[in-house]
PDB file of N, CA and C in Angstrom:
ATOM      1  N   UNK A   1     135.305 207.359  48.814  1.00  0.00           N
ATOM      2  CA  UNK A   1     135.390 206.766  47.504  1.00  0.00           C
ATOM      3  C   UNK A   1     135.946 207.819  46.546  1.00  0.00           C
ATOM      4  N   UNK A   2     136.949 207.447  45.805  1.00  0.00           N
ATOM      5  CA  UNK A   2     137.603 208.366  44.888  1.00  0.00           C
ATOM      6  C   UNK A   2     137.480 207.828  43.471  1.00  0.00           C
ATOM      7  N   UNK A   3     136.948 208.670  42.585  1.00  0.00           N
ATOM      8  CA  UNK A   3     136.808 208.264  41.191  1.00  0.00           C
ATOM      9  C   UNK A   3     137.943 208.845  40.369  1.00  0.00           C
ATOM     10  N   UNK A   4     138.478 208.040  39.478  1.00  0.00           N
ATOM     11  CA  UNK A   4     139.543 208.490  38.596  1.00  0.00           C
ATOM     12  C   UNK A   4     138.916 208.844  37.251  1.00  0.00           C
ATOM     13  N   UNK A   5     138.817 210.146  36.970  1.00  0.00           N
ATOM     14  CA  UNK A   5     138.172 210.604  35.745  1.00  0.00           C
ATOM     15  C   UNK A   5     139.141 210.715  34.572  1.00  0.00           C
ATOM     16  N   UNK A   6     140.384 210.344  34.765  1.00  0.00           N
ATOM     17  CA  UNK A   6     141.368 210.422  33.696  1.00  0.00           C
ATOM     18  C   UNK A   6     141.254 209.177  32.821  1.00  0.00           C
ATOM     19  N   UNK A   7     140.789 209.356  31.608  1.00  0.00           N
ATOM     20  CA  UNK A   7     140.629 208.227  30.694  1.00  0.00           C
ATOM     21  C   UNK A   7     141.826 208.072  29.767  1.00  0.00           C
ATOM     22  N   UNK A   8     142.809 208.931  29.936  1.00  0.00           N
ATOM     23  CA  UNK A   8     144.031 208.825  29.149  1.00  0.00           C
ATOM     24  C   UNK A   8     143.782 209.011  27.663  1.00  0.00           C
ATOM     25  N   UNK A   9     144.457 208.172  26.871  1.00  0.00           N
ATOM     26  CA  UNK A   9     144.356 208.321  25.417  1.00  0.00           C
ATOM     27  C   UNK A   9     142.989 207.893  24.888  1.00  0.00           C
ATOM     28  N   UNK A  10     142.172 207.252  25.708  1.00  0.00           N
ATOM     29  CA  UNK A  10     140.850 206.811  25.270  1.00  0.00           C
ATOM     30  C   UNK A  10     139.743 207.818  25.625  1.00  0.00           C
ATOM     31  N   UNK A  11     140.126 208.941  26.205  1.00  0.00           N
ATOM     32  CA  UNK A  11     139.146 209.937  26.633  1.00  0.00           C
ATOM     33  C   UNK A  11     138.280 210.416  25.478  1.00  0.00           C
ATOM     34  N   UNK A  12     138.862 210.516  24.309  1.00  0.00           N
ATOM     35  CA  UNK A  12     138.119 210.983  23.141  1.00  0.00           C
ATOM     36  C   UNK A  12     136.976 210.019  22.793  1.00  0.00           C
ATOM     37  N   UNK A  13     137.060 208.771  23.213  1.00  0.00           N
ATOM     38  CA  UNK A  13     136.002 207.783  22.974  1.00  0.00           C
ATOM     39  C   UNK A  13     135.111 207.591  24.208  1.00  0.00           C
ATOM     40  N   UNK A  14     135.717 207.627  25.374  1.00  0.00           N
ATOM     41  CA  UNK A  14     134.998 207.331  26.611  1.00  0.00           C
ATOM     42  C   UNK A  14     133.976 208.407  26.952  1.00  0.00           C
ATOM     43  N   UNK A  15     134.385 209.680  26.938  1.00  0.00           N
ATOM     44  CA  UNK A  15     133.489 210.748  27.381  1.00  0.00           C
ATOM     45  C   UNK A  15     132.297 210.966  26.458  1.00  0.00           C
ATOM     46  N   UNK A  16     132.463 210.940  25.134  1.00  0.00           N
ATOM     47  CA  UNK A  16     131.270 211.030  24.289  1.00  0.00           C
ATOM     48  C   UNK A  16     130.328 209.835  24.465  1.00  0.00           C
ATOM     49  N   UNK A  17     130.887 208.645  24.651  1.00  0.00           N
ATOM     50  CA  UNK A  17     130.043 207.467  24.887  1.00  0.00           C
ATOM     51  C   UNK A  17     129.302 207.598  26.212  1.00  0.00           C
ATOM     52  N   UNK A  18     129.978 208.110  27.219  1.00  0.00           N
ATOM     53  CA  UNK A  18     129.349 208.341  28.518  1.00  0.00           C
ATOM     54  C   UNK A  18     128.227 209.367  28.387  1.00  0.00           C
ATOM     55  N   UNK A  19     128.499 210.468  27.702  1.00  0.00           N
ATOM     56  CA  UNK A  19     127.490 211.515  27.517  1.00  0.00           C
ATOM     57  C   UNK A  19     126.289 210.987  26.732  1.00  0.00           C
ATOM     58  N   UNK A  20     126.535 210.195  25.713  1.00  0.00           N
ATOM     59  CA  UNK A  20     125.446 209.618  24.924  1.00  0.00           C
ATOM     60  C   UNK A  20     124.604 208.670  25.777  1.00  0.00           C
ATOM     61  N   UNK A  21     125.241 207.905  26.635  1.00  0.00           N
ATOM     62  CA  UNK A  21     124.517 206.994  27.522  1.00  0.00           C
ATOM     63  C   UNK A  21     123.648 207.764  28.511  1.00  0.00           C
ATOM     64  N   UNK A  22     124.183 208.816  29.084  1.00  0.00           N
ATOM     65  CA  UNK A  22     123.415 209.641  30.020  1.00  0.00           C
ATOM     66  C   UNK A  22     122.235 210.270  29.301  1.00  0.00           C
ATOM     67  N   UNK A  23     122.465 210.791  28.094  1.00  0.00           N
ATOM     68  CA  UNK A  23     121.378 211.406  27.326  1.00  0.00           C
ATOM     69  C   UNK A  23     120.288 210.382  27.013  1.00  0.00           C
ATOM     70  N   UNK A  24     120.672 209.154  26.682  1.00  0.00           N
ATOM     71  CA  UNK A  24     119.686 208.109  26.394  1.00  0.00           C
ATOM     72  C   UNK A  24     118.858 207.784  27.635  1.00  0.00           C
ATOM     73  N   UNK A  25     119.501 207.685  28.784  1.00  0.00           N
ATOM     74  CA  UNK A  25     118.767 207.411  30.023  1.00  0.00           C
ATOM     75  C   UNK A  25     117.810 208.550  30.363  1.00  0.00           C
ATOM     76  N   UNK A  26     118.260 209.788  30.211  1.00  0.00           N
ATOM     77  CA  UNK A  26     117.398 210.941  30.482  1.00  0.00           C
ATOM     78  C   UNK A  26     116.202 210.923  29.537  1.00  0.00           C
ATOM     79  N   UNK A  27     116.442 210.638  28.261  1.00  0.00           N
ATOM     80  CA  UNK A  27     115.363 210.568  27.274  1.00  0.00           C
ATOM     81  C   UNK A  27     114.348 209.483  27.659  1.00  0.00           C
ATOM     82  N   UNK A  28     114.822 208.297  28.025  1.00  0.00           N
ATOM     83  CA  UNK A  28     113.923 207.194  28.370  1.00  0.00           C
ATOM     84  C   UNK A  28     113.098 207.510  29.613  1.00  0.00           C
ATOM     85  N   UNK A  29     113.718 208.123  30.611  1.00  0.00           N
ATOM     86  CA  UNK A  29     112.994 208.463  31.842  1.00  0.00           C
ATOM     87  C   UNK A  29     111.934 209.522  31.554  1.00  0.00           C
ATOM     88  N   UNK A  30     112.313 210.562  30.802  1.00  0.00           N
ATOM     89  CA  UNK A  30     111.359 211.628  30.481  1.00  0.00           C
ATOM     90  C   UNK A  30     110.205 211.078  29.652  1.00  0.00           C
ATOM     91  N   UNK A  31     110.497 210.242  28.676  1.00  0.00           N
ATOM     92  CA  UNK A  31     109.454 209.662  27.836  1.00  0.00           C
ATOM     93  C   UNK A  31     108.519 208.771  28.651  1.00  0.00           C
ATOM     94  N   UNK A  32     109.074 208.003  29.562  1.00  0.00           N
ATOM     95  CA  UNK A  32     108.251 207.145  30.422  1.00  0.00           C
ATOM     96  C   UNK A  32     107.331 207.965  31.317  1.00  0.00           C
ATOM     97  N   UNK A  33     107.860 209.027  31.902  1.00  0.00           N
ATOM     98  CA  UNK A  33     107.045 209.870  32.770  1.00  0.00           C
ATOM     99  C   UNK A  33     105.936 210.571  31.997  1.00  0.00           C
ATOM    100  N   UNK A  34     106.253 211.067  30.808  1.00  0.00           N
ATOM    101  CA  UNK A  34     105.236 211.728  29.991  1.00  0.00           C
ATOM    102  C   UNK A  34     104.173 210.738  29.524  1.00  0.00           C
ATOM    103  N   UNK A  35     104.579 209.536  29.160  1.00  0.00           N
ATOM    104  CA  UNK A  35     103.613 208.513  28.748  1.00  0.00           C
ATOM    105  C   UNK A  35     102.713 208.117  29.913  1.00  0.00           C
ATOM    106  N   UNK A  36     103.298 207.972  31.078  1.00  0.00           N
ATOM    107  CA  UNK A  36     102.505 207.609  32.257  1.00  0.00           C
ATOM    108  C   UNK A  36     101.498 208.701  32.570  1.00  0.00           C
ATOM    109  N   UNK A  37     101.907 209.950  32.465  1.00  0.00           N
ATOM    110  CA  UNK A  37     100.992 211.068  32.712  1.00  0.00           C
ATOM    111  C   UNK A  37      99.838 211.048  31.697  1.00  0.00           C
ATOM    112  N   UNK A  38     100.166 210.780  30.428  1.00  0.00           N
ATOM    113  CA  UNK A  38      99.141 210.722  29.381  1.00  0.00           C
ATOM    114  C   UNK A  38      98.140 209.600  29.649  1.00  0.00           C
ATOM    115  N   UNK A  39      98.635 208.403  29.931  1.00  0.00           N
ATOM    116  CA  UNK A  39      97.745 207.263  30.131  1.00  0.00           C
ATOM    117  C   UNK A  39      96.928 207.397  31.406  1.00  0.00           C
ATOM    118  N   UNK A  40      97.499 208.014  32.441  1.00  0.00           N
ATOM    119  CA  UNK A  40      96.745 208.239  33.670  1.00  0.00           C
ATOM    120  C   UNK A  40      95.588 209.200  33.411  1.00  0.00           C
ATOM    121  N   UNK A  41      95.861 210.269  32.665  1.00  0.00           N
ATOM    122  CA  UNK A  41      94.806 211.232  32.340  1.00  0.00           C
ATOM    123  C   UNK A  41      93.723 210.573  31.488  1.00  0.00           C
ATOM    124  N   UNK A  42      94.129 209.738  30.547  1.00  0.00           N
ATOM    125  CA  UNK A  42      93.150 209.061  29.700  1.00  0.00           C
ATOM    126  C   UNK A  42      92.305 208.076  30.524  1.00  0.00           C
ATOM    127  N   UNK A  43      92.920 207.371  31.439  1.00  0.00           N
ATOM    128  CA  UNK A  43      92.175 206.440  32.291  1.00  0.00           C
ATOM    129  C   UNK A  43      91.190 207.192  33.184  1.00  0.00           C
ATOM    130  N   UNK A  44      91.603 208.325  33.720  1.00  0.00           N
ATOM    131  CA  UNK A  44      90.704 209.125  34.555  1.00  0.00           C
ATOM    132  C   UNK A  44      89.538 209.671  33.735  1.00  0.00           C
ATOM    133  N   UNK A  45      89.819 210.084  32.496  1.00  0.00           N
ATOM    134  CA  UNK A  45      88.762 210.596  31.632  1.00  0.00           C
ATOM    135  C   UNK A  45      87.751 209.497  31.311  1.00  0.00           C
ATOM    136  N   UNK A  46      88.234 208.317  30.990  1.00  0.00           N
ATOM    137  CA  UNK A  46      87.327 207.198  30.687  1.00  0.00           C
ATOM    138  C   UNK A  46      86.525 206.776  31.911  1.00  0.00           C
ATOM    139  N   UNK A  47      87.170 206.802  33.083  1.00  0.00           N
ATOM    140  CA  UNK A  47      86.450 206.453  34.305  1.00  0.00           C
ATOM    141  C   UNK A  47      85.352 207.469  34.580  1.00  0.00           C
ATOM    142  N   UNK A  48      85.627 208.739  34.341  1.00  0.00           N
ATOM    143  CA  UNK A  48      84.616 209.778  34.526  1.00  0.00           C
ATOM    144  C   UNK A  48      83.448 209.573  33.559  1.00  0.00           C
ATOM    145  N   UNK A  49      83.743 209.175  32.328  1.00  0.00           N
ATOM    146  CA  UNK A  49      82.680 208.893  31.364  1.00  0.00           C
ATOM    147  C   UNK A  49      81.819 207.722  31.825  1.00  0.00           C
ATOM    148  N   UNK A  50      82.456 206.673  32.331  1.00  0.00           N
ATOM    149  CA  UNK A  50      81.706 205.516  32.830  1.00  0.00           C
ATOM    150  C   UNK A  50      80.854 205.893  34.032  1.00  0.00           C
ATOM    151  N   UNK A  51      81.419 206.678  34.935  1.00  0.00           N
ATOM    152  CA  UNK A  51      80.662 207.110  36.109  1.00  0.00           C
ATOM    153  C   UNK A  51      79.460 207.960  35.698  1.00  0.00           C
ATOM    154  N   UNK A  52      79.644 208.846  34.727  1.00  0.00           N
ATOM    155  CA  UNK A  52      78.552 209.695  34.244  1.00  0.00           C
ATOM    156  C   UNK A  52      77.484 208.826  33.576  1.00  0.00           C
ATOM    157  N   UNK A  53      77.894 207.842  32.820  1.00  0.00           N
ATOM    158  CA  UNK A  53      76.950 206.950  32.143  1.00  0.00           C
ATOM    159  C   UNK A  53      76.165 206.135  33.183  1.00  0.00           C
ATOM    160  N   UNK A  54      76.852 205.639  34.209  1.00  0.00           N
ATOM    161  CA  UNK A  54      76.178 204.890  35.263  1.00  0.00           C
ATOM    162  C   UNK A  54      75.178 205.773  36.022  1.00  0.00           C
ATOM    163  N   UNK A  55      75.583 207.005  36.307  1.00  0.00           N
ATOM    164  CA  UNK A  55      74.702 207.929  37.023  1.00  0.00           C
ATOM    165  C   UNK A  55      73.473 208.267  36.181  1.00  0.00           C
ATOM    166  N   UNK A  56      73.665 208.429  34.891  1.00  0.00           N
ATOM    167  CA  UNK A  56      72.545 208.739  33.999  1.00  0.00           C
ATOM    168  C   UNK A  56      71.613 207.542  33.890  1.00  0.00           C
ATOM    169  N   UNK A  57      72.170 206.342  33.882  1.00  0.00           N
ATOM    170  CA  UNK A  57      71.352 205.135  33.790  1.00  0.00           C
ATOM    171  C   UNK A  57      70.547 204.899  35.049  1.00  0.00           C
ATOM    172  N   UNK A  58      71.114 205.202  36.191  1.00  0.00           N
ATOM    173  CA  UNK A  58      70.401 205.003  37.460  1.00  0.00           C
ATOM    174  C   UNK A  58      69.296 206.038  37.639  1.00  0.00           C
ATOM    175  N   UNK A  59      69.541 207.251  37.184  1.00  0.00           N
ATOM    176  CA  UNK A  59      68.523 208.296  37.348  1.00  0.00           C
ATOM    177  C   UNK A  59      67.370 208.087  36.368  1.00  0.00           C
ATOM    178  N   UNK A  60      67.619 207.420  35.246  1.00  0.00           N
ATOM    179  CA  UNK A  60      66.545 207.169  34.266  1.00  0.00           C
ATOM    180  C   UNK A  60      65.658 206.015  34.725  1.00  0.00           C
ATOM    181  N   UNK A  61      66.175 205.170  35.592  1.00  0.00           N
ATOM    182  CA  UNK A  61      65.399 203.988  36.029  1.00  0.00           C
ATOM    183  C   UNK A  61      64.378 204.301  37.051  1.00  0.00           C
TER     184      UNK A  61
END
């Protein structure tokens, strides 16, 4: 497969638009991964709190 990277007289418009699109995709992927990491940590923290509360309730009974 051979790609033709020559955009001719439109190169001044094509390459910046391409770069902006790539940057937007990278931003969205990074933001999604960071958000997922945050929410996973928060869910684990809340689950640990629930487990601790359940353990404390069972030991008091």
